[in-house]
Protein backbone atom coordinates (compact mmCIF):
# COMPACT_ATOMS: atom_id res chain seq x y z
CA MET A 1 10.71 -19.17 19.72
CA MET A 2 11.58 -18.72 15.59
CA LYS A 3 8.84 -16.59 14.26
CA SER A 4 6.94 -16.98 11.00
CA ARG A 5 7.46 -14.09 8.72
CA ILE A 6 4.49 -12.85 6.83
CA LEU A 7 4.51 -9.99 4.27
CA ILE A 8 1.01 -8.30 3.05
CA VAL A 9 1.28 -6.63 0.08
CA PRO A 10 -0.40 -3.83 -0.86
CA ILE A 11 -0.66 -2.67 2.85
CA GLY A 12 -2.93 0.24 1.71
CA SER A 13 -6.25 -1.62 0.76
CA GLY A 14 -8.93 -1.82 3.49
CA MET A 15 -8.49 -5.96 3.78
CA ALA A 16 -4.59 -5.47 4.41
CA MET A 17 -5.42 -3.38 7.09
CA SER A 18 -7.73 -5.35 8.67
CA ALA A 19 -5.61 -8.50 8.05
CA LEU A 20 -2.69 -6.35 10.19
CA LYS A 21 -4.88 -5.92 12.71
CA ASP A 22 -5.87 -9.57 13.26
CA LEU A 23 -2.25 -10.63 12.76
CA SER A 24 -0.50 -8.58 14.51
CA LYS A 25 -1.38 -9.62 18.03
CA ALA A 26 -0.17 -13.23 17.37
CA ASP A 27 3.36 -13.72 19.28
CA ASP A 28 4.55 -15.93 16.60
CA LEU A 29 4.47 -14.27 13.48
CA GLU A 30 6.81 -10.99 12.27
CA ILE A 31 4.81 -8.49 9.91
CA ILE A 32 6.49 -6.84 6.96
CA VAL A 33 4.34 -4.61 4.56
CA ALA A 34 4.83 -3.52 1.29
CA ASP A 35 3.15 -0.94 -1.09
CA SER A 36 3.74 1.13 -4.04
CA ASP A 37 2.76 4.25 -2.08
CA PRO A 38 4.84 5.48 0.59
CA VAL A 39 2.68 8.01 2.28
CA THR A 40 -0.11 4.86 2.77
CA PRO A 41 -0.81 4.43 7.00
CA GLY A 42 0.10 0.61 6.66
CA MET A 43 3.73 1.77 5.81
CA ASN A 44 4.17 4.12 8.44
CA MET A 45 2.92 2.12 11.96
CA GLY A 46 6.27 0.61 12.83
CA PHE A 47 6.30 -2.83 10.80
CA PRO A 48 9.49 -3.45 8.50
CA SER A 49 7.82 -1.62 5.33
CA PHE A 50 9.26 -1.53 1.59
CA VAL A 51 8.04 0.61 -1.17
CA VAL A 52 7.41 -1.62 -4.52
CA PRO A 53 6.49 -0.94 -8.25
CA SER A 54 2.63 -0.99 -9.07
CA ILE A 55 1.84 -4.53 -9.63
CA GLU A 56 1.16 -3.29 -13.49
CA ASP A 57 5.16 -2.62 -13.65
CA GLU A 58 7.01 -5.52 -15.42
CA GLU A 59 9.59 -5.23 -12.14
CA PHE A 60 7.03 -5.79 -9.57
CA PHE A 61 7.53 -9.40 -9.17
CA PRO A 62 11.38 -9.30 -9.59
CA VAL A 63 11.41 -6.77 -6.40
CA LEU A 64 9.21 -8.51 -4.47
CA GLU A 65 10.72 -11.63 -4.97
CA GLU A 66 14.01 -10.09 -3.55
CA ILE A 67 12.68 -8.96 -0.87
CA ILE A 68 10.80 -12.42 0.07
CA VAL A 69 14.42 -13.76 -0.12
CA ARG A 70 16.21 -10.89 1.98
CA GLU A 71 13.93 -10.70 4.50
CA LYS A 72 13.31 -15.00 4.73
CA ILE A 73 9.48 -14.66 4.15
CA ASP A 74 7.27 -17.21 5.02
CA LEU A 75 3.98 -16.40 3.60
CA VAL A 76 2.81 -13.48 1.23
CA ILE A 77 -0.52 -12.34 1.36
CA PRO A 78 -1.99 -10.51 -1.24
CA CYS A 79 -4.83 -8.45 -0.18
CA LEU A 80 -6.31 -6.44 -3.47
CA ASP A 81 -8.61 -8.01 -5.59
CA THR A 82 -6.32 -7.42 -8.71
CA PHE A 83 -3.52 -8.94 -6.93
CA LEU A 84 -5.00 -12.23 -6.69
CA ILE A 85 -4.50 -13.64 -9.99
CA PRO A 86 -1.45 -12.69 -10.86
CA PHE A 87 -0.38 -13.86 -7.38
CA ALA A 88 -1.82 -17.22 -7.91
CA ARG A 89 -0.56 -17.64 -11.36
CA ARG A 90 3.26 -16.80 -10.14
CA ARG A 91 2.81 -19.19 -7.19
CA ALA A 92 5.17 -21.98 -8.14
CA ASP A 93 8.17 -19.36 -8.54
CA ILE A 94 7.48 -17.80 -5.39
CA GLU A 95 7.14 -20.89 -3.57
CA ARG A 96 10.37 -21.89 -5.24
CA LEU A 97 11.62 -18.99 -3.19
CA GLY A 98 10.73 -20.82 0.18
CA ALA A 99 7.55 -18.91 0.62
CA LYS A 100 3.47 -19.90 0.49
CA VAL A 101 1.21 -17.49 -1.58
CA MET A 102 -2.16 -17.40 0.37
CA THR A 103 -4.14 -17.01 -2.62
CA SER A 104 -6.92 -20.33 -3.94
CA PRO A 105 -6.17 -21.73 -7.20
CA THR A 106 -6.20 -19.78 -10.27
CA GLU A 107 -9.69 -21.54 -12.08
CA ALA A 108 -11.55 -20.39 -8.36
CA LEU A 109 -10.57 -16.56 -8.79
CA GLU A 110 -10.87 -15.84 -12.15
CA LEU A 111 -14.97 -17.48 -11.38
CA SER A 112 -15.03 -15.63 -8.70
CA ARG A 113 -14.21 -12.17 -11.08
CA ASP A 114 -17.02 -13.19 -13.54
CA LYS A 115 -20.10 -13.09 -12.31
CA TRP A 116 -21.94 -14.62 -15.20
CA GLU A 117 -20.05 -17.99 -14.85
CA MET A 118 -19.86 -17.80 -11.23
CA TYR A 119 -23.95 -17.52 -11.53
CA THR A 120 -24.15 -20.70 -14.34
CA ARG A 121 -21.60 -22.50 -12.24
CA LEU A 122 -24.19 -22.61 -9.31
CA GLU A 123 -27.38 -22.48 -10.93
CA GLY A 124 -29.43 -25.00 -8.65
CA LYS A 125 -27.23 -25.23 -6.34
CA VAL A 126 -27.34 -21.99 -4.24
CA PRO A 127 -30.51 -19.65 -4.63
CA GLN A 128 -29.72 -16.82 -6.62
CA PRO A 129 -31.50 -13.89 -8.37
CA LYS A 130 -32.69 -14.16 -11.71
CA SER A 131 -29.99 -13.09 -13.61
CA SER A 132 -29.13 -12.47 -17.51
CA ILE A 133 -26.83 -11.42 -20.04
CA ASP A 134 -29.17 -10.99 -23.03
CA PRO A 135 -30.52 -7.46 -22.60
CA SER A 136 -34.14 -9.08 -23.52
CA ILE A 137 -34.82 -10.14 -20.38
CA ILE A 138 -35.75 -6.58 -19.13
CA ASP A 139 -38.68 -7.07 -21.08
CA GLU A 140 -39.51 -10.26 -18.66
CA LEU A 141 -38.84 -8.63 -15.27
CA ARG A 142 -40.68 -6.07 -13.25
CA TYR A 143 -39.16 -2.91 -12.55
CA PRO A 144 -37.23 -2.18 -10.30
CA ILE A 145 -34.59 -4.22 -11.62
CA PHE A 146 -30.50 -4.12 -11.20
CA ILE A 147 -27.82 -3.88 -13.76
CA LYS A 148 -24.39 -4.19 -12.91
CA PRO A 149 -20.64 -5.14 -15.09
CA ARG A 150 -19.82 -8.63 -15.28
CA ASP A 151 -16.50 -7.89 -13.76
CA GLY A 152 -17.33 -5.49 -11.31
CA SER A 153 -16.46 -4.61 -7.42
CA GLY A 154 -17.04 -2.44 -4.94
CA SER A 155 -20.86 -1.91 -6.08
CA ILE A 156 -18.98 0.71 -8.90
CA ASN A 157 -21.21 1.08 -11.77
CA ALA A 158 -24.28 -1.21 -10.21
CA PHE A 159 -27.82 0.69 -10.58
CA LYS A 160 -31.27 -0.01 -9.39
CA VAL A 161 -33.11 0.61 -12.44
CA GLU A 162 -36.82 2.20 -12.23
CA ASN A 163 -37.89 1.99 -16.23
CA ARG A 164 -36.73 0.91 -19.64
CA GLU A 165 -35.55 4.54 -20.35
CA GLU A 166 -33.35 4.25 -17.41
CA ALA A 167 -32.53 0.46 -18.44
CA GLU A 168 -31.34 1.24 -21.94
CA PHE A 169 -29.33 4.66 -20.57
CA TYR A 170 -27.53 2.30 -18.61
CA LEU A 171 -26.82 -0.91 -20.88
CA SER A 172 -25.42 1.86 -23.43
CA ARG A 173 -22.86 3.03 -20.73
CA ILE A 174 -21.89 -0.59 -18.71
CA SER A 175 -19.45 -2.78 -20.44
CA ASN A 176 -20.78 -6.66 -20.27
CA PRO A 177 -23.80 -5.94 -18.12
CA ILE A 178 -25.70 -8.45 -16.06
CA ILE A 179 -29.30 -7.55 -15.92
CA GLN A 180 -31.15 -9.08 -12.30
CA GLU A 181 -34.46 -9.10 -10.61
CA TYR A 182 -33.98 -6.58 -8.11
CA LEU A 183 -33.99 -7.77 -4.40
CA PRO A 184 -35.24 -5.66 -1.89
CA GLY A 185 -34.17 -7.22 1.20
CA ARG A 186 -31.27 -7.27 3.86
CA GLU A 187 -28.05 -7.82 2.84
CA TYR A 188 -25.57 -10.23 4.32
CA THR A 189 -21.90 -10.93 4.23
CA VAL A 190 -20.93 -14.69 4.81
CA ASP A 191 -17.10 -14.48 6.35
CA CYS A 192 -16.10 -18.01 5.23
CA ILE A 193 -12.50 -20.39 5.73
CA ALA A 194 -11.71 -23.34 3.90
CA ASP A 195 -8.76 -25.61 4.49
CA MET A 196 -6.04 -27.01 1.85
CA ASN A 197 -8.73 -29.41 0.40
CA GLY A 198 -11.43 -27.14 0.24
CA ARG A 199 -13.42 -28.54 2.83
CA LEU A 200 -15.64 -25.77 4.61
CA LEU A 201 -14.11 -24.85 8.29
CA SER A 202 -16.81 -22.04 9.54
CA ALA A 203 -18.82 -19.57 7.67
CA SER A 204 -20.42 -16.74 9.58
CA PRO A 205 -23.00 -14.63 8.62
CA ARG A 206 -23.44 -10.79 9.18
CA LEU A 207 -25.44 -8.55 8.44
CA ARG A 208 -24.83 -5.24 6.51
CA ILE A 209 -26.99 -2.37 8.01
CA ARG A 210 -24.85 0.40 6.75
CA THR A 211 -22.36 0.87 3.91
CA LYS A 212 -20.36 3.35 1.98
CA SER A 213 -19.12 2.81 -1.39
CA GLY A 214 -19.23 -0.81 -1.28
CA ILE A 215 -17.64 -1.21 1.69
CA CYS A 216 -19.42 -2.02 5.45
CA THR A 217 -19.58 0.83 8.19
CA ILE A 218 -22.26 -0.66 10.27
CA SER A 219 -22.49 -4.42 10.79
CA LYS A 220 -23.78 -7.26 13.34
CA THR A 221 -23.30 -10.80 13.51
CA VAL A 222 -26.41 -13.39 13.16
CA SER A 223 -27.62 -16.56 12.78
CA ASN A 224 -29.18 -17.56 9.39
CA ALA A 225 -29.18 -21.23 8.53
CA LEU A 226 -29.80 -21.04 4.56
CA LEU A 227 -26.51 -18.91 4.31
CA GLU A 228 -24.30 -20.71 6.34
CA GLU A 229 -25.89 -24.18 3.83
CA ALA A 230 -25.30 -21.88 0.88
CA ALA A 231 -21.28 -22.07 1.97
CA GLY A 232 -21.15 -25.49 1.90
CA LYS A 233 -22.36 -25.71 -1.52
CA ILE A 234 -19.90 -23.33 -2.70
CA THR A 235 -17.08 -25.07 -1.57
CA GLU A 236 -18.93 -28.20 -3.09
CA GLU A 237 -18.71 -26.53 -6.35
CA ILE A 238 -15.76 -24.07 -6.53
CA PRO A 239 -12.05 -25.24 -5.53
CA VAL A 240 -11.27 -22.49 -2.86
CA ASN A 241 -8.51 -22.85 0.07
CA GLY A 242 -8.08 -20.36 2.56
CA PRO A 243 -10.52 -16.98 3.46
CA PHE A 244 -13.29 -15.90 1.19
CA PHE A 245 -16.84 -14.17 1.69
CA PHE A 246 -19.84 -14.10 -0.01
CA GLN A 247 -22.55 -11.73 0.01
CA ALA A 248 -26.49 -12.09 -0.38
CA LYS A 249 -29.80 -10.34 -0.57
CA GLU A 250 -33.31 -10.81 0.53
CA ASP A 251 -35.81 -11.40 -2.10
CA GLU A 252 -39.64 -10.13 -1.58
CA SER A 253 -40.19 -13.40 0.34
CA GLY A 254 -37.11 -13.09 2.93
CA LEU A 255 -35.18 -15.61 0.65
CA PRO A 256 -31.10 -14.82 0.51
CA LYS A 257 -29.88 -14.90 -2.73
CA LEU A 258 -26.14 -14.95 -3.79
CA THR A 259 -25.44 -11.79 -5.03
CA GLU A 260 -21.57 -12.34 -5.58
CA ILE A 261 -18.62 -14.24 -4.10
CA ASN A 262 -15.18 -12.98 -3.07
CA ILE A 263 -12.19 -15.13 -2.78
CA ARG A 264 -10.16 -13.40 -0.29
CA LEU A 265 -9.70 -11.65 3.33
CA ALA A 266 -12.59 -9.27 3.84
CA GLY A 267 -12.17 -5.79 5.58
CA THR A 268 -15.37 -6.60 7.93
CA MET A 269 -13.87 -10.22 8.82
CA ALA A 270 -12.72 -7.83 11.81
CA LEU A 271 -16.11 -8.31 13.21
CA THR A 272 -16.01 -12.27 13.03
CA THR A 273 -12.65 -11.93 14.81
CA ARG A 274 -14.16 -10.38 17.64
CA ALA A 275 -17.00 -12.87 17.65
CA GLY A 276 -14.88 -15.53 18.14
CA VAL A 277 -13.15 -16.82 14.94
CA ASN A 278 -9.90 -15.25 13.64
CA ILE A 279 -10.07 -16.12 9.93
CA PRO A 280 -6.90 -14.02 8.92
CA LEU A 281 -4.89 -15.77 11.81
CA THR A 282 -6.42 -18.88 11.04
CA ALA A 283 -5.38 -18.85 7.37
CA VAL A 284 -2.14 -18.31 8.06
CA ARG A 285 -1.99 -21.04 10.15
CA ILE A 286 -3.35 -23.54 7.56
CA PHE A 287 -1.11 -22.16 4.54
CA LEU A 288 2.01 -22.64 6.53
CA GLY A 289 0.85 -26.24 7.12
CA GLN A 290 0.64 -25.59 11.51
CA LYS A 291 -2.02 -27.11 13.45
CA THR A 292 -4.85 -24.60 13.63
CA PRO A 293 -6.90 -25.10 17.07
CA PRO A 294 -10.48 -26.40 16.93
CA ILE A 295 -12.99 -23.61 15.42
CA GLY A 296 -16.04 -22.77 16.99
CA ARG A 297 -19.03 -20.56 16.24
CA THR A 298 -19.04 -16.75 16.56
CA LYS A 299 -20.93 -14.74 19.14
CA LYS A 300 -24.34 -13.82 17.34
CA GLY A 301 -25.94 -9.95 17.98
CA LEU A 302 -22.18 -8.08 18.09
CA TYR A 303 -22.02 -4.93 16.22
CA LEU A 304 -19.26 -3.44 14.17
CA ALA A 305 -19.19 0.98 13.65
CA ARG A 306 -16.17 2.19 11.75
CA TYR A 307 -14.98 5.39 12.43
CA TRP A 308 -11.77 7.34 11.35
CA GLU A 309 -8.36 7.27 12.54
CA GLU A 310 -5.13 8.85 12.33
CA ILE A 311 -1.55 7.80 11.78
CA TYR A 312 1.39 10.78 12.37
CA PHE A 313 4.88 10.26 10.87
CA SER A 314 7.76 12.36 10.03
CA GLU A 315 9.23 13.56 6.64
CA THR A 316 12.32 11.83 7.95
CA GLN A 317 10.67 8.73 8.43
CA LEU A 318 9.05 9.31 4.84
CA GLU A 319 12.19 9.86 3.44
CA SER A 320 13.47 6.88 5.26
CA ILE A 321 11.04 4.58 3.58
CA SER A 322 11.16 5.69 0.53
CA SER A 323 14.97 6.08 -0.28
CA THR A 324 16.00 2.76 1.96
CA ALA A 325 13.36 0.31 1.01
CA LEU A 326 13.81 0.32 -2.30
CA GLU A 327 18.04 0.17 -2.27
CA ASN A 328 17.55 -3.32 0.27
CA ALA A 329 15.01 -4.43 -2.14
CA HIS A 330 18.01 -4.08 -5.39
CA ALA A 331 21.04 -5.06 -3.06
């Protein structure tokens, strides 16, 4: 049986490791990994591993494209926010080498990175918190309020603000801030996948019970018709292909309101996979043009709790990855 060859880069990200777990169980796939850091765990788990320059380096794509040709890669999965737009812009060049790229169109990715443009596009379509990029809105909102960067991620520089003094402090320090009503209720992520025509195939809500540095550490699959309906509205307005997810939080009345969209795999999609919908594997089938089995609904009430796990490797193994990978890439 001919196996499809999948390149995951960078393997050091949380979403990459989650995808690796979900894809490595498929008998018809062969996984190859790459990263600029040879010490990262995913580079030392027995998969063919290649050291590449950082994506900011002008040699990143030339080296990666040599790997694609030499290793006969069928699909590249970029697995970090900062990789998505560069890969989408490079898609045609990579496809000429014979490999597909798991990204949505550049337009959709740019919209997801600009929260204000995203809110504007979906205004009146999906419930969202009252928001503004005009600081004068703080006179109209009741404290506490919420301030975050227009292009932020991972809850970095996102703050609950209790009074005007705090608001002025954060507004003077956050670049391109968005000011919003504070949403006090439960927080959700909705794991989704769309086909190559942008048609929504699955939307699986999960409750974010506990988070650390923006990463969900305890989660539970749930039913929520409003969130599933919102997923459909998003795909009607934004040209999405493959995996994406969005987050929402309840207001005082319990209405979930959209806070952000990420058009990529999510690290905690592992829970959705275990609940019955393997989004990474389905996305691989879609991008390779393979037949996908019917997608059912996820099992509700299933929990995920994260814990640390160790990987061990020798100096000899590390030296082998560091030296031969680059030699192979430039051969």
